[in-house]
Amino acid sequence: MDGQLIAFTGIAAGLVAMPGADFTVVVRNALVSRRAGAVCGLGIAAGLLVHTTLAVAGVAAVLVAVPALFRALQLLGGAYVLQLGLRTLWPLRRSAAEDAASAGHPSAAHPSATHSAGHPLRQGFVTNVLNPKASLTFLSLLPQFVPSGGSALPRTLLLALIVCVIALAWFHVVALLVDRLGRWLRRPRAARMLQAGTGAALTALGAALLLEPLLR
């Protein structure tokens, strides 16, 4: 692996691991099961593949040339993340008596969480793919690591593959760690706290995505 690929791999790893909506939605699903978290990570990797493919094709440049399209995608992405957050917070309305009744059955402590995470692949993909900033990030990043004078297409495809592999590995690790801590995290009180935290984070991220284009 040459120096440029090593540098790109480090930068891409930092971008993928940066806490945000992707990370939060994986944690949300991993609380249901490690498989749900890993499948959600697969959806995020698929979304990143779309973004890197757009960057390779140069289509992402349209987002720069047409600000209205960029804002529309931001609003769609923000609305989706916001509703995920609200759906995560909604079950917390249950009374403490109901939680106490389910304390002896951790797997049944949050049935609504299991239901709301029924499509982790879709959640991961949509959360990521509706973030237009990802396309712009890779549009500006990928050309910096393509040697001049060579064929750009094989190199950019390799860089796109590296991004997807990093995402798959990272979010699988996140799902594994959450699952390993699952016995503690799924206790009624701990589960409520983490569910409230992830729901609040998703709601705040969604609201920020919605407000940013409206405040310009």
N, C-alpha and C. Protein backbone atom coordinates (compact mmCIF):
# COMPACT_ATOMS: atom_id res chain seq x y z
N MET A 1 0.85 -1.20 0.00
CA MET A 1 0.00 0.00 0.00
C MET A 1 0.89 1.25 0.00
N ASP A 2 0.66 2.15 -0.94
CA ASP A 2 1.52 3.33 -1.02
C ASP A 2 1.12 4.37 0.03
N GLY A 3 1.95 5.40 0.14
CA GLY A 3 1.74 6.40 1.16
C GLY A 3 0.41 7.12 1.05
N GLN A 4 -0.02 7.39 -0.18
CA GLN A 4 -1.28 8.09 -0.38
C GLN A 4 -2.46 7.25 0.12
N LEU A 5 -2.41 5.95 -0.15
CA LEU A 5 -3.50 5.08 0.31
C LEU A 5 -3.53 4.99 1.83
N ILE A 6 -2.35 4.96 2.45
CA ILE A 6 -2.28 4.92 3.91
C ILE A 6 -2.89 6.20 4.49
N ALA A 7 -2.52 7.34 3.91
CA ALA A 7 -3.06 8.61 4.38
C ALA A 7 -4.57 8.68 4.19
N PHE A 8 -5.04 8.25 3.02
CA PHE A 8 -6.47 8.26 2.75
C PHE A 8 -7.22 7.35 3.71
N THR A 9 -6.65 6.18 3.98
CA THR A 9 -7.30 5.24 4.89
C THR A 9 -7.46 5.85 6.28
N GLY A 10 -6.44 6.56 6.75
CA GLY A 10 -6.54 7.21 8.05
C GLY A 10 -7.60 8.29 8.08
N ILE A 11 -7.64 9.12 7.03
CA ILE A 11 -8.63 10.20 6.97
C ILE A 11 -10.04 9.62 6.87
N ALA A 12 -10.20 8.61 6.01
CA ALA A 12 -11.51 7.99 5.83
C ALA A 12 -11.99 7.34 7.13
N ALA A 13 -11.08 6.71 7.86
CA ALA A 13 -11.44 6.08 9.13
C ALA A 13 -11.94 7.13 10.12
N GLY A 14 -11.27 8.27 10.14
CA GLY A 14 -11.69 9.35 11.03
C GLY A 14 -13.07 9.88 10.67
N LEU A 15 -13.33 10.02 9.37
CA LEU A 15 -14.63 10.51 8.92
C LEU A 15 -15.74 9.53 9.26
N VAL A 16 -15.48 8.23 9.04
CA VAL A 16 -16.49 7.21 9.29
C VAL A 16 -16.79 7.09 10.79
N ALA A 17 -15.73 7.15 11.61
CA ALA A 17 -15.90 6.95 13.06
C ALA A 17 -16.42 8.19 13.77
N MET A 18 -16.47 9.32 13.10
CA MET A 18 -16.92 10.56 13.74
C MET A 18 -18.35 10.39 14.23
N PRO A 19 -18.61 10.67 15.53
CA PRO A 19 -19.97 10.52 16.05
C PRO A 19 -20.97 11.38 15.29
N GLY A 20 -22.10 10.81 15.00
CA GLY A 20 -23.14 11.52 14.27
C GLY A 20 -24.36 10.64 14.15
N ALA A 21 -25.20 10.94 13.17
CA ALA A 21 -26.44 10.19 13.00
C ALA A 21 -26.16 8.72 12.69
N ASP A 22 -25.14 8.42 11.86
CA ASP A 22 -24.82 7.04 11.52
C ASP A 22 -24.50 6.24 12.78
N PHE A 23 -23.61 6.77 13.61
CA PHE A 23 -23.20 6.09 14.84
C PHE A 23 -24.40 5.86 15.76
N THR A 24 -25.22 6.90 15.91
CA THR A 24 -26.34 6.82 16.83
C THR A 24 -27.38 5.81 16.38
N VAL A 25 -27.65 5.74 15.07
CA VAL A 25 -28.67 4.81 14.59
C VAL A 25 -28.16 3.37 14.68
N VAL A 26 -26.85 3.15 14.58
CA VAL A 26 -26.30 1.80 14.78
C VAL A 26 -26.46 1.38 16.24
N VAL A 27 -26.13 2.29 17.17
CA VAL A 27 -26.30 1.99 18.59
C VAL A 27 -27.77 1.67 18.89
N ARG A 28 -28.65 2.46 18.31
CA ARG A 28 -30.10 2.27 18.52
C ARG A 28 -30.51 0.85 18.12
N ASN A 29 -30.01 0.39 16.98
CA ASN A 29 -30.37 -0.95 16.51
C ASN A 29 -29.62 -2.05 17.24
N ALA A 30 -28.38 -1.78 17.63
CA ALA A 30 -27.60 -2.78 18.35
C ALA A 30 -28.18 -3.08 19.71
N LEU A 31 -28.94 -2.15 20.27
CA LEU A 31 -29.63 -2.41 21.54
C LEU A 31 -30.66 -3.51 21.39
N VAL A 32 -31.19 -3.67 20.18
CA VAL A 32 -32.12 -4.75 19.91
C VAL A 32 -31.36 -6.07 19.77
N SER A 33 -30.30 -6.07 18.96
CA SER A 33 -29.45 -7.25 18.80
C SER A 33 -28.19 -6.85 18.04
N ARG A 34 -27.15 -7.66 18.20
CA ARG A 34 -25.92 -7.39 17.47
C ARG A 34 -26.17 -7.48 15.97
N ARG A 35 -27.00 -8.43 15.55
CA ARG A 35 -27.30 -8.59 14.13
C ARG A 35 -27.97 -7.34 13.58
N ALA A 36 -28.94 -6.78 14.33
CA ALA A 36 -29.62 -5.57 13.87
C ALA A 36 -28.62 -4.42 13.72
N GLY A 37 -27.70 -4.30 14.68
CA GLY A 37 -26.69 -3.24 14.58
C GLY A 37 -25.76 -3.44 13.40
N ALA A 38 -25.33 -4.71 13.18
CA ALA A 38 -24.43 -4.99 12.07
C ALA A 38 -25.13 -4.77 10.72
N VAL A 39 -26.40 -5.15 10.63
CA VAL A 39 -27.16 -4.95 9.39
C VAL A 39 -27.35 -3.46 9.13
N CYS A 40 -27.58 -2.69 10.20
CA CYS A 40 -27.69 -1.24 10.05
C CYS A 40 -26.38 -0.66 9.52
N GLY A 41 -25.24 -1.18 10.04
CA GLY A 41 -23.93 -0.76 9.54
C GLY A 41 -23.76 -1.09 8.07
N LEU A 42 -24.31 -2.24 7.65
CA LEU A 42 -24.27 -2.60 6.23
C LEU A 42 -25.04 -1.59 5.39
N GLY A 43 -26.18 -1.14 5.91
CA GLY A 43 -26.96 -0.12 5.20
C GLY A 43 -26.19 1.18 5.08
N ILE A 44 -25.46 1.55 6.14
CA ILE A 44 -24.64 2.77 6.09
C ILE A 44 -23.53 2.63 5.07
N ALA A 45 -22.89 1.45 5.03
CA ALA A 45 -21.83 1.21 4.04
C ALA A 45 -22.39 1.31 2.62
N ALA A 46 -23.62 0.82 2.43
CA ALA A 46 -24.26 0.93 1.11
C ALA A 46 -24.51 2.39 0.76
N GLY A 47 -24.91 3.19 1.76
CA GLY A 47 -25.09 4.61 1.52
C GLY A 47 -23.79 5.30 1.16
N LEU A 48 -22.71 4.92 1.85
CA LEU A 48 -21.39 5.48 1.53
C LEU A 48 -20.95 5.09 0.12
N LEU A 49 -21.32 3.88 -0.29
CA LEU A 49 -21.00 3.45 -1.66
C LEU A 49 -21.68 4.35 -2.68
N VAL A 50 -22.92 4.73 -2.38
CA VAL A 50 -23.65 5.65 -3.26
C VAL A 50 -22.92 7.00 -3.33
N HIS A 51 -22.54 7.52 -2.16
CA HIS A 51 -21.86 8.82 -2.13
C HIS A 51 -20.53 8.79 -2.88
N THR A 52 -19.74 7.75 -2.64
CA THR A 52 -18.44 7.68 -3.31
C THR A 52 -18.61 7.44 -4.81
N THR A 53 -19.63 6.69 -5.19
CA THR A 53 -19.89 6.48 -6.62
C THR A 53 -20.28 7.79 -7.29
N LEU A 54 -21.11 8.58 -6.59
CA LEU A 54 -21.48 9.90 -7.13
C LEU A 54 -20.25 10.79 -7.28
N ALA A 55 -19.36 10.71 -6.29
CA ALA A 55 -18.14 11.51 -6.37
C ALA A 55 -17.28 11.07 -7.54
N VAL A 56 -17.16 9.74 -7.72
CA VAL A 56 -16.38 9.21 -8.84
C VAL A 56 -16.97 9.68 -10.16
N ALA A 57 -18.29 9.65 -10.27
CA ALA A 57 -18.95 10.03 -11.51
C ALA A 57 -19.01 11.54 -11.71
N GLY A 58 -18.76 12.29 -10.64
CA GLY A 58 -18.83 13.73 -10.73
C GLY A 58 -20.23 14.29 -10.58
N VAL A 59 -21.19 13.38 -10.35
CA VAL A 59 -22.58 13.83 -10.22
C VAL A 59 -22.75 14.70 -8.99
N ALA A 60 -21.94 14.45 -7.96
CA ALA A 60 -22.08 15.22 -6.72
C ALA A 60 -21.85 16.71 -6.97
N ALA A 61 -21.14 17.05 -8.05
CA ALA A 61 -20.91 18.46 -8.35
C ALA A 61 -22.22 19.20 -8.62
N VAL A 62 -23.25 18.46 -9.02
CA VAL A 62 -24.55 19.08 -9.27
C VAL A 62 -25.10 19.69 -7.98
N LEU A 63 -24.80 19.05 -6.85
CA LEU A 63 -25.28 19.57 -5.58
C LEU A 63 -24.69 20.96 -5.29
N VAL A 64 -23.50 21.19 -5.79
CA VAL A 64 -22.87 22.50 -5.61
C VAL A 64 -23.49 23.50 -6.59
N ALA A 65 -23.74 23.04 -7.80
CA ALA A 65 -24.26 23.94 -8.84
C ALA A 65 -25.73 24.28 -8.63
N VAL A 66 -26.47 23.41 -7.95
CA VAL A 66 -27.91 23.63 -7.75
C VAL A 66 -28.19 23.66 -6.25
N PRO A 67 -28.05 24.82 -5.61
CA PRO A 67 -28.24 24.92 -4.16
C PRO A 67 -29.61 24.44 -3.69
N ALA A 68 -30.64 24.64 -4.50
CA ALA A 68 -31.98 24.23 -4.09
C ALA A 68 -32.06 22.71 -3.92
N LEU A 69 -31.37 21.96 -4.79
CA LEU A 69 -31.35 20.51 -4.67
C LEU A 69 -30.62 20.09 -3.41
N PHE A 70 -29.52 20.76 -3.13
CA PHE A 70 -28.76 20.47 -1.92
C PHE A 70 -29.62 20.69 -0.68
N ARG A 71 -30.34 21.81 -0.64
CA ARG A 71 -31.18 22.12 0.52
C ARG A 71 -32.32 21.12 0.64
N ALA A 72 -32.89 20.72 -0.50
CA ALA A 72 -33.98 19.75 -0.46
C ALA A 72 -33.52 18.43 0.14
N LEU A 73 -32.33 17.97 -0.26
CA LEU A 73 -31.81 16.73 0.29
C LEU A 73 -31.51 16.87 1.78
N GLN A 74 -31.00 18.04 2.18
CA GLN A 74 -30.76 18.28 3.61
C GLN A 74 -32.07 18.19 4.40
N LEU A 75 -33.12 18.79 3.86
CA LEU A 75 -34.40 18.77 4.56
C LEU A 75 -34.96 17.36 4.66
N LEU A 76 -34.84 16.59 3.57
CA LEU A 76 -35.30 15.20 3.60
C LEU A 76 -34.52 14.39 4.62
N GLY A 77 -33.20 14.53 4.60
CA GLY A 77 -32.37 13.80 5.54
C GLY A 77 -32.66 14.20 6.97
N GLY A 78 -32.81 15.50 7.22
CA GLY A 78 -33.11 15.98 8.56
C GLY A 78 -34.45 15.46 9.06
N ALA A 79 -35.46 15.46 8.18
CA ALA A 79 -36.78 14.98 8.57
C ALA A 79 -36.73 13.50 8.92
N TYR A 80 -35.97 12.72 8.16
CA TYR A 80 -35.89 11.28 8.44
C TYR A 80 -35.20 11.02 9.77
N VAL A 81 -34.07 11.68 10.02
CA VAL A 81 -33.35 11.49 11.28
C VAL A 81 -34.20 11.97 12.46
N LEU A 82 -34.91 13.07 12.27
CA LEU A 82 -35.76 13.60 13.33
C LEU A 82 -36.86 12.61 13.70
N GLN A 83 -37.50 12.01 12.70
CA GLN A 83 -38.57 11.07 13.03
C GLN A 83 -38.02 9.80 13.68
N LEU A 84 -36.79 9.40 13.31
CA LEU A 84 -36.17 8.27 14.01
C LEU A 84 -35.97 8.59 15.48
N GLY A 85 -35.51 9.82 15.76
CA GLY A 85 -35.32 10.23 17.14
C GLY A 85 -36.62 10.25 17.92
N LEU A 86 -37.67 10.79 17.31
CA LEU A 86 -38.96 10.87 17.99
C LEU A 86 -39.54 9.48 18.22
N ARG A 87 -39.35 8.58 17.26
CA ARG A 87 -39.83 7.20 17.42
C ARG A 87 -39.07 6.49 18.53
N THR A 88 -37.80 6.86 18.71
CA THR A 88 -37.02 6.26 19.79
C THR A 88 -37.48 6.77 21.15
N LEU A 89 -37.83 8.05 21.23
CA LEU A 89 -38.26 8.64 22.49
C LEU A 89 -39.69 8.28 22.86
N TRP A 90 -40.51 7.99 21.87
CA TRP A 90 -41.94 7.79 22.11
C TRP A 90 -42.24 6.70 23.14
N PRO A 91 -41.56 5.52 23.11
CA PRO A 91 -41.88 4.47 24.09
C PRO A 91 -41.58 4.87 25.54
N LEU A 92 -40.76 5.90 25.74
CA LEU A 92 -40.40 6.30 27.10
C LEU A 92 -41.58 6.90 27.85
N ARG A 93 -42.72 7.10 27.19
CA ARG A 93 -43.91 7.59 27.85
C ARG A 93 -44.50 6.55 28.79
N ARG A 94 -44.07 5.31 28.64
CA ARG A 94 -44.62 4.25 29.47
C ARG A 94 -44.37 4.52 30.94
N SER A 95 -45.23 4.06 31.77
CA SER A 95 -45.13 4.33 33.20
C SER A 95 -44.03 3.50 33.83
N ALA A 96 -43.54 3.95 34.98
CA ALA A 96 -42.52 3.22 35.72
C ALA A 96 -43.05 1.87 36.16
N ALA A 97 -44.36 1.76 36.39
CA ALA A 97 -44.95 0.49 36.81
C ALA A 97 -44.80 -0.57 35.73
N GLU A 98 -44.97 -0.18 34.47
CA GLU A 98 -44.81 -1.13 33.37
C GLU A 98 -43.38 -1.60 33.28
N ASP A 99 -42.42 -0.68 33.47
CA ASP A 99 -41.01 -1.05 33.43
C ASP A 99 -40.67 -2.00 34.57
N ALA A 100 -41.24 -1.73 35.76
CA ALA A 100 -40.96 -2.60 36.90
C ALA A 100 -41.52 -4.00 36.66
N ALA A 101 -42.66 -4.07 36.00
CA ALA A 101 -43.27 -5.37 35.72
C ALA A 101 -42.44 -6.19 34.76
N SER A 102 -41.68 -5.51 33.88
CA SER A 102 -40.87 -6.22 32.89
C SER A 102 -39.43 -6.38 33.33
N ALA A 103 -39.10 -5.97 34.57
CA ALA A 103 -37.71 -5.99 35.03
C ALA A 103 -37.13 -7.39 35.04
N GLY A 104 -37.98 -8.37 35.31
CA GLY A 104 -37.49 -9.75 35.34
C GLY A 104 -37.36 -10.37 33.98
N HIS A 105 -37.72 -9.63 32.94
CA HIS A 105 -37.66 -10.17 31.57
C HIS A 105 -36.99 -9.16 30.67
N PRO A 106 -35.64 -9.03 30.68
CA PRO A 106 -34.92 -8.02 29.91
C PRO A 106 -35.24 -8.05 28.44
N SER A 107 -35.47 -9.23 27.90
CA SER A 107 -35.73 -9.32 26.46
C SER A 107 -37.06 -8.70 26.09
N ALA A 108 -37.97 -8.61 27.10
CA ALA A 108 -39.28 -8.04 26.81
C ALA A 108 -39.43 -6.64 27.34
N ALA A 109 -38.31 -6.08 27.86
CA ALA A 109 -38.39 -4.79 28.50
C ALA A 109 -38.79 -3.69 27.56
N HIS A 110 -38.41 -3.82 26.29
CA HIS A 110 -38.70 -2.76 25.32
C HIS A 110 -39.17 -3.35 24.00
N PRO A 111 -40.35 -3.97 23.98
CA PRO A 111 -40.82 -4.56 22.75
C PRO A 111 -41.01 -3.55 21.66
N SER A 112 -41.38 -2.32 22.02
CA SER A 112 -41.59 -1.31 20.99
C SER A 112 -40.29 -0.93 20.32
N ALA A 113 -39.15 -1.03 21.07
CA ALA A 113 -37.86 -0.74 20.46
C ALA A 113 -37.53 -1.77 19.41
N THR A 114 -37.90 -3.05 19.71
CA THR A 114 -37.65 -4.09 18.73
C THR A 114 -38.47 -3.84 17.46
N HIS A 115 -39.73 -3.44 17.67
CA HIS A 115 -40.59 -3.20 16.52
C HIS A 115 -40.10 -2.02 15.70
N SER A 116 -39.69 -0.94 16.39
CA SER A 116 -39.29 0.26 15.66
C SER A 116 -37.98 0.08 14.92
N ALA A 117 -37.19 -0.94 15.32
CA ALA A 117 -35.92 -1.20 14.64
C ALA A 117 -36.08 -2.37 13.68
N GLY A 118 -37.29 -2.56 13.16
CA GLY A 118 -37.56 -3.72 12.33
C GLY A 118 -36.87 -3.71 10.98
N HIS A 119 -36.39 -2.57 10.52
CA HIS A 119 -35.73 -2.48 9.22
C HIS A 119 -34.39 -1.77 9.37
N PRO A 120 -33.44 -2.38 10.07
CA PRO A 120 -32.15 -1.71 10.33
C PRO A 120 -31.37 -1.40 9.06
N LEU A 121 -31.48 -2.27 8.03
CA LEU A 121 -30.77 -2.02 6.78
C LEU A 121 -31.27 -0.74 6.14
N ARG A 122 -32.59 -0.60 6.10
CA ARG A 122 -33.18 0.60 5.51
C ARG A 122 -32.84 1.84 6.33
N GLN A 123 -32.90 1.72 7.65
CA GLN A 123 -32.59 2.86 8.50
C GLN A 123 -31.16 3.35 8.28
N GLY A 124 -30.22 2.40 8.25
CA GLY A 124 -28.82 2.78 8.03
C GLY A 124 -28.61 3.42 6.68
N PHE A 125 -29.21 2.82 5.64
CA PHE A 125 -29.02 3.32 4.28
C PHE A 125 -29.61 4.71 4.11
N VAL A 126 -30.87 4.88 4.53
CA VAL A 126 -31.55 6.16 4.32
C VAL A 126 -30.89 7.27 5.15
N THR A 127 -30.53 6.95 6.41
CA THR A 127 -29.87 7.95 7.24
C THR A 127 -28.61 8.48 6.58
N ASN A 128 -27.84 7.59 5.98
CA ASN A 128 -26.58 7.99 5.37
C ASN A 128 -26.78 8.62 3.99
N VAL A 129 -27.60 8.00 3.16
CA VAL A 129 -27.68 8.43 1.77
C VAL A 129 -28.37 9.79 1.63
N LEU A 130 -29.20 10.18 2.61
CA LEU A 130 -29.88 11.47 2.54
C LEU A 130 -29.05 12.60 3.15
N ASN A 131 -27.77 12.33 3.37
CA ASN A 131 -26.86 13.37 3.85
C ASN A 131 -26.02 13.87 2.68
N PRO A 132 -26.41 14.98 2.05
CA PRO A 132 -25.69 15.43 0.85
C PRO A 132 -24.27 15.89 1.14
N LYS A 133 -23.99 16.22 2.40
CA LYS A 133 -22.63 16.67 2.74
C LYS A 133 -21.62 15.55 2.53
N ALA A 134 -22.07 14.30 2.65
CA ALA A 134 -21.16 13.17 2.44
C ALA A 134 -20.66 13.15 1.00
N SER A 135 -21.57 13.38 0.06
CA SER A 135 -21.17 13.41 -1.35
C SER A 135 -20.16 14.52 -1.60
N LEU A 136 -20.42 15.70 -1.01
CA LEU A 136 -19.51 16.82 -1.21
C LEU A 136 -18.15 16.54 -0.56
N THR A 137 -18.17 15.88 0.60
CA THR A 137 -16.92 15.54 1.28
C THR A 137 -16.05 14.65 0.40
N PHE A 138 -16.65 13.60 -0.15
CA PHE A 138 -15.87 12.67 -0.97
C PHE A 138 -15.53 13.27 -2.33
N LEU A 139 -16.39 14.17 -2.83
CA LEU A 139 -16.08 14.84 -4.09
C LEU A 139 -14.80 15.67 -3.95
N SER A 140 -14.63 16.30 -2.79
CA SER A 140 -13.43 17.12 -2.58
C SER A 140 -12.24 16.29 -2.11
N LEU A 141 -12.52 15.14 -1.49
CA LEU A 141 -11.44 14.34 -0.90
C LEU A 141 -10.79 13.38 -1.89
N LEU A 142 -11.61 12.66 -2.64
CA LEU A 142 -11.06 11.61 -3.51
C LEU A 142 -10.02 12.11 -4.51
N PRO A 143 -10.25 13.24 -5.20
CA PRO A 143 -9.25 13.68 -6.19
C PRO A 143 -7.88 13.97 -5.59
N GLN A 144 -7.84 14.27 -4.29
CA GLN A 144 -6.54 14.58 -3.66
C GLN A 144 -5.64 13.36 -3.59
N PHE A 145 -6.21 12.18 -3.76
CA PHE A 145 -5.45 10.94 -3.60
C PHE A 145 -5.39 10.14 -4.90
N VAL A 146 -5.61 10.83 -6.02
CA VAL A 146 -5.48 10.20 -7.33
C VAL A 146 -4.23 10.76 -7.99
N PRO A 147 -3.20 9.93 -8.20
CA PRO A 147 -1.96 10.43 -8.80
C PRO A 147 -2.20 11.00 -10.18
N SER A 148 -1.55 12.09 -10.48
CA SER A 148 -1.70 12.72 -11.79
C SER A 148 -1.02 11.86 -12.86
N GLY A 149 -1.60 11.86 -14.03
CA GLY A 149 -1.02 11.12 -15.14
C GLY A 149 -1.49 9.69 -15.24
N GLY A 150 -2.20 9.21 -14.23
CA GLY A 150 -2.69 7.83 -14.26
C GLY A 150 -4.16 7.78 -14.57
N SER A 151 -4.69 6.57 -14.61
CA SER A 151 -6.11 6.39 -14.85
C SER A 151 -6.88 6.65 -13.56
N ALA A 152 -7.79 7.61 -13.59
CA ALA A 152 -8.48 8.03 -12.37
C ALA A 152 -9.53 7.03 -11.91
N LEU A 153 -10.20 6.36 -12.86
CA LEU A 153 -11.34 5.52 -12.48
C LEU A 153 -10.94 4.35 -11.57
N PRO A 154 -9.93 3.53 -11.91
CA PRO A 154 -9.57 2.42 -11.01
C PRO A 154 -9.16 2.91 -9.63
N ARG A 155 -8.45 4.01 -9.60
CA ARG A 155 -7.98 4.53 -8.31
C ARG A 155 -9.13 5.00 -7.44
N THR A 156 -10.06 5.78 -8.01
CA THR A 156 -11.18 6.28 -7.23
C THR A 156 -12.10 5.14 -6.79
N LEU A 157 -12.25 4.13 -7.62
CA LEU A 157 -13.04 2.96 -7.22
C LEU A 157 -12.39 2.24 -6.04
N LEU A 158 -11.07 2.16 -6.05
CA LEU A 158 -10.34 1.55 -4.94
C LEU A 158 -10.56 2.37 -3.66
N LEU A 159 -10.49 3.69 -3.77
CA LEU A 159 -10.71 4.55 -2.61
C LEU A 159 -12.14 4.39 -2.08
N ALA A 160 -13.09 4.28 -2.99
CA ALA A 160 -14.48 4.07 -2.58
C ALA A 160 -14.64 2.75 -1.84
N LEU A 161 -13.95 1.71 -2.33
CA LEU A 161 -14.00 0.40 -1.68
C LEU A 161 -13.42 0.47 -0.28
N ILE A 162 -12.33 1.21 -0.12
CA ILE A 162 -11.70 1.36 1.20
C ILE A 162 -12.68 1.99 2.18
N VAL A 163 -13.39 3.02 1.75
CA VAL A 163 -14.37 3.68 2.62
C VAL A 163 -15.44 2.70 3.08
N CYS A 164 -15.96 1.92 2.15
CA CYS A 164 -17.03 0.96 2.49
C CYS A 164 -16.54 -0.12 3.44
N VAL A 165 -15.34 -0.62 3.22
CA VAL A 165 -14.78 -1.66 4.09
C VAL A 165 -14.57 -1.11 5.50
N ILE A 166 -14.07 0.11 5.60
CA ILE A 166 -13.88 0.74 6.91
C ILE A 166 -15.22 0.87 7.63
N ALA A 167 -16.25 1.31 6.91
CA ALA A 167 -17.57 1.47 7.52
C ALA A 167 -18.11 0.14 8.01
N LEU A 168 -17.98 -0.90 7.20
CA LEU A 168 -18.46 -2.22 7.61
C LEU A 168 -17.75 -2.69 8.88
N ALA A 169 -16.43 -2.54 8.91
CA ALA A 169 -15.65 -3.00 10.06
C ALA A 169 -15.98 -2.17 11.30
N TRP A 170 -16.01 -0.85 11.17
CA TRP A 170 -16.23 0.02 12.32
C TRP A 170 -17.60 -0.21 12.95
N PHE A 171 -18.63 -0.22 12.14
CA PHE A 171 -19.97 -0.34 12.70
C PHE A 171 -20.26 -1.75 13.20
N HIS A 172 -19.56 -2.74 12.66
CA HIS A 172 -19.67 -4.09 13.22
C HIS A 172 -19.06 -4.11 14.62
N VAL A 173 -17.94 -3.42 14.79
CA VAL A 173 -17.31 -3.33 16.12
C VAL A 173 -18.23 -2.60 17.10
N VAL A 174 -18.85 -1.52 16.65
CA VAL A 174 -19.78 -0.78 17.50
C VAL A 174 -20.93 -1.68 17.93
N ALA A 175 -21.51 -2.41 16.98
CA ALA A 175 -22.62 -3.31 17.29
C ALA A 175 -22.18 -4.40 18.26
N LEU A 176 -20.96 -4.92 18.07
CA LEU A 176 -20.44 -5.97 18.94
C LEU A 176 -20.27 -5.45 20.37
N LEU A 177 -19.70 -4.24 20.51
CA LEU A 177 -19.48 -3.68 21.85
C LEU A 177 -20.81 -3.42 22.57
N VAL A 178 -21.77 -2.87 21.84
CA VAL A 178 -23.08 -2.61 22.45
C VAL A 178 -23.72 -3.93 22.86
N ASP A 179 -23.60 -4.95 22.01
CA ASP A 179 -24.18 -6.25 22.32
C ASP A 179 -23.49 -6.90 23.53
N ARG A 180 -22.16 -6.76 23.63
CA ARG A 180 -21.44 -7.33 24.77
C ARG A 180 -21.86 -6.67 26.08
N LEU A 181 -22.20 -5.39 25.99
CA LEU A 181 -22.68 -4.67 27.18
C LEU A 181 -24.19 -4.78 27.32
N GLY A 182 -24.78 -5.58 26.44
CA GLY A 182 -26.24 -5.64 26.37
C GLY A 182 -26.91 -6.07 27.65
N ARG A 183 -26.28 -6.99 28.39
CA ARG A 183 -26.91 -7.46 29.63
C ARG A 183 -27.13 -6.31 30.59
N TRP A 184 -26.16 -5.40 30.65
CA TRP A 184 -26.32 -4.22 31.50
C TRP A 184 -27.18 -3.17 30.84
N LEU A 185 -26.95 -2.95 29.54
CA LEU A 185 -27.67 -1.89 28.83
C LEU A 185 -29.16 -2.18 28.73
N ARG A 186 -29.54 -3.48 28.76
CA ARG A 186 -30.95 -3.81 28.62
C ARG A 186 -31.70 -3.89 29.94
N ARG A 187 -31.02 -3.62 31.05
CA ARG A 187 -31.74 -3.46 32.31
C ARG A 187 -32.67 -2.27 32.17
N PRO A 188 -33.87 -2.37 32.75
CA PRO A 188 -34.88 -1.32 32.51
C PRO A 188 -34.36 0.10 32.69
N ARG A 189 -33.66 0.37 33.80
CA ARG A 189 -33.22 1.74 34.05
C ARG A 189 -32.14 2.16 33.05
N ALA A 190 -31.14 1.28 32.84
CA ALA A 190 -30.07 1.59 31.91
C ALA A 190 -30.61 1.72 30.49
N ALA A 191 -31.56 0.84 30.14
CA ALA A 191 -32.15 0.88 28.80
C ALA A 191 -32.89 2.19 28.57
N ARG A 192 -33.62 2.66 29.60
CA ARG A 192 -34.32 3.93 29.47
C ARG A 192 -33.34 5.08 29.26
N MET A 193 -32.25 5.06 30.02
CA MET A 193 -31.26 6.14 29.92
C MET A 193 -30.62 6.17 28.54
N LEU A 194 -30.22 4.97 28.06
CA LEU A 194 -29.56 4.92 26.74
C LEU A 194 -30.55 5.22 25.62
N GLN A 195 -31.77 4.72 25.77
CA GLN A 195 -32.78 5.01 24.77
C GLN A 195 -33.08 6.50 24.72
N ALA A 196 -33.14 7.12 25.90
CA ALA A 196 -33.37 8.56 25.94
C ALA A 196 -32.20 9.31 25.32
N GLY A 197 -30.97 8.83 25.59
CA GLY A 197 -29.79 9.50 25.03
C GLY A 197 -29.72 9.40 23.52
N THR A 198 -29.94 8.19 22.99
CA THR A 198 -29.89 8.02 21.54
C THR A 198 -31.06 8.75 20.87
N GLY A 199 -32.22 8.70 21.48
CA GLY A 199 -33.37 9.41 20.92
C GLY A 199 -33.14 10.91 20.89
N ALA A 200 -32.60 11.44 21.99
CA ALA A 200 -32.33 12.87 22.05
C ALA A 200 -31.26 13.27 21.04
N ALA A 201 -30.23 12.41 20.89
CA ALA A 201 -29.16 12.72 19.93
C ALA A 201 -29.71 12.74 18.51
N LEU A 202 -30.51 11.74 18.15
CA LEU A 202 -31.08 11.69 16.80
C LEU A 202 -32.02 12.87 16.58
N THR A 203 -32.82 13.20 17.59
CA THR A 203 -33.74 14.33 17.45
C THR A 203 -32.99 15.64 17.26
N ALA A 204 -31.93 15.83 18.05
CA ALA A 204 -31.13 17.05 17.93
C ALA A 204 -30.43 17.13 16.58
N LEU A 205 -29.87 16.00 16.11
CA LEU A 205 -29.21 15.98 14.81
C LEU A 205 -30.20 16.26 13.69
N GLY A 206 -31.37 15.64 13.77
CA GLY A 206 -32.39 15.88 12.74
C GLY A 206 -32.84 17.33 12.72
N ALA A 207 -33.06 17.89 13.93
CA ALA A 207 -33.48 19.29 14.00
C ALA A 207 -32.41 20.22 13.44
N ALA A 208 -31.13 19.91 13.73
CA ALA A 208 -30.04 20.73 13.21
C ALA A 208 -29.99 20.68 11.69
N LEU A 209 -30.18 19.48 11.12
CA LEU A 209 -30.17 19.33 9.67
C LEU A 209 -31.33 20.09 9.03
N LEU A 210 -32.46 20.10 9.72
CA LEU A 210 -33.63 20.82 9.18
C LEU A 210 -33.43 22.34 9.27
N LEU A 211 -32.86 22.80 10.37
CA LEU A 211 -32.74 24.23 10.60
C LEU A 211 -31.63 24.87 9.76
N GLU A 212 -30.56 24.10 9.51
CA GLU A 212 -29.41 24.70 8.80
C GLU A 212 -29.79 25.32 7.47
N PRO A 213 -30.48 24.58 6.57
CA PRO A 213 -30.82 25.22 5.28
C PRO A 213 -31.89 26.30 5.43
N LEU A 214 -32.75 26.21 6.46
CA LEU A 214 -33.81 27.20 6.63
C LEU A 214 -33.28 28.52 7.15
N LEU A 215 -32.15 28.46 7.86
CA LEU A 215 -31.58 29.67 8.47
C LEU A 215 -30.63 30.40 7.54
N ARG A 216 -30.35 29.83 6.38
CA ARG A 216 -29.42 30.48 5.45
C ARG A 216 -30.08 31.66 4.77
